Every structure is written in C-alpha cells, then in structure tokens.
C-alpha cells in the first residue's frame, strides 16, 4: 500500500495544557478517515501541527 500520511508520536502542548498525546496514524491510498470529537478535542490542532 502507498502511504499518503503517517503520524508517529504526535504530541501538542499550549503552555502547560497538553491537548494531544502520543498520536499514531497511517493513511494509505484508498483509505477513508474522519476525525470526530467535541469542540476543543484537538481536531484542528492535529491536522495543522507541524514538526518541531
């Protein structure tokens, strides 16, 4: 399978608030994926995070 997106160990903090912790995900060609959750769950943070 061809990997289109691979995330390994993503964590995100805003100051002292940890909003995402140790996320792993692989999206292959032909896969379908939905990110669901309540407001403030970190969906936008997940898709806009960059390394560093």
C-alpha atoms as a PDB file:
ATOM      1  CA  UNK A   1       0.000   0.000   0.000  1.00  0.00           C
ATOM      2  CA  UNK A   2       1.124   3.541  -0.688  1.00  0.00           C
ATOM      3  CA  UNK A   3       1.265   5.688   2.448  1.00  0.00           C
ATOM      4  CA  UNK A   4      -0.210   9.145   1.947  1.00  0.00           C
ATOM      5  CA  UNK A   5       0.114  10.302   5.546  1.00  0.00           C
ATOM      6  CA  UNK A   6       1.963   8.867   8.518  1.00  0.00           C
ATOM      7  CA  UNK A   7       1.962  10.337  12.007  1.00  0.00           C
ATOM      8  CA  UNK A   8       4.166   8.882  14.727  1.00  0.00           C
ATOM      9  CA  UNK A   9       4.107  10.026  18.358  1.00  0.00           C
ATOM     10  CA  UNK A  10       2.471  13.429  17.812  1.00  0.00           C
ATOM     11  CA  UNK A  11       2.000  15.429  20.997  1.00  0.00           C
ATOM     12  CA  UNK A  12       0.985  19.080  21.309  1.00  0.00           C
ATOM     13  CA  UNK A  13       1.073  21.484  24.251  1.00  0.00           C
ATOM     14  CA  UNK A  14      -0.164  25.040  24.613  1.00  0.00           C
ATOM     15  CA  UNK A  15       1.752  26.323  27.599  1.00  0.00           C
ATOM     16  CA  UNK A  16       1.007  23.881  30.422  1.00  0.00           C
ATOM     17  CA  UNK A  17      -2.068  22.390  28.717  1.00  0.00           C
ATOM     18  CA  UNK A  18      -1.452  19.123  26.840  1.00  0.00           C
ATOM     19  CA  UNK A  19      -4.042  18.892  24.042  1.00  0.00           C
ATOM     20  CA  UNK A  20      -2.765  15.799  22.194  1.00  0.00           C
ATOM     21  CA  UNK A  21      -0.585  12.967  23.406  1.00  0.00           C
ATOM     22  CA  UNK A  22       1.322  10.260  21.529  1.00  0.00           C
ATOM     23  CA  UNK A  23      -0.884  10.005  18.401  1.00  0.00           C
ATOM     24  CA  UNK A  24      -0.032   7.356  15.790  1.00  0.00           C
ATOM     25  CA  UNK A  25      -1.898   7.104  12.468  1.00  0.00           C
ATOM     26  CA  UNK A  26      -1.270   5.875   8.928  1.00  0.00           C
ATOM     27  CA  UNK A  27      -3.466   6.829   5.981  1.00  0.00           C
ATOM     28  CA  UNK A  28      -2.920   4.703   2.868  1.00  0.00           C
ATOM     29  CA  UNK A  29      -4.077   5.324  -0.701  1.00  0.00           C
ATOM     30  CA  UNK A  30      -7.774   4.468  -0.929  1.00  0.00           C
ATOM     31  CA  UNK A  31      -8.395   4.794   2.832  1.00  0.00           C
ATOM     32  CA  UNK A  32     -11.122   6.993   4.223  1.00  0.00           C
ATOM     33  CA  UNK A  33     -10.805   8.650   7.593  1.00  0.00           C
ATOM     34  CA  UNK A  34     -12.933  11.008   9.671  1.00  0.00           C
ATOM     35  CA  UNK A  35     -11.821  12.996  12.694  1.00  0.00           C
ATOM     36  CA  UNK A  36     -14.720  13.420  15.064  1.00  0.00           C
ATOM     37  CA  UNK A  37     -14.999  14.843  18.545  1.00  0.00           C
ATOM     38  CA  UNK A  38     -16.471  17.680  20.557  1.00  0.00           C
ATOM     39  CA  UNK A  39     -15.326  21.290  20.361  1.00  0.00           C
ATOM     40  CA  UNK A  40     -11.873  21.579  21.888  1.00  0.00           C
ATOM     41  CA  UNK A  41     -10.949  17.928  21.298  1.00  0.00           C
ATOM     42  CA  UNK A  42      -7.879  18.851  19.180  1.00  0.00           C
ATOM     43  CA  UNK A  43      -9.090  18.000  15.654  1.00  0.00           C
ATOM     44  CA  UNK A  44      -7.790  21.206  14.057  1.00  0.00           C
ATOM     45  CA  UNK A  45      -4.578  21.042  16.084  1.00  0.00           C
ATOM     46  CA  UNK A  46      -3.989  17.518  14.774  1.00  0.00           C
ATOM     47  CA  UNK A  47      -4.309  18.429  11.087  1.00  0.00           C
ATOM     48  CA  UNK A  48      -2.374  21.710  11.337  1.00  0.00           C
ATOM     49  CA  UNK A  49       0.529  20.575  13.552  1.00  0.00           C
ATOM     50  CA  UNK A  50       3.979  20.641  12.027  1.00  0.00           C
ATOM     51  CA  UNK A  51       7.206  19.018  13.190  1.00  0.00           C
ATOM     52  CA  UNK A  52       9.252  20.944  15.671  1.00  0.00           C
END
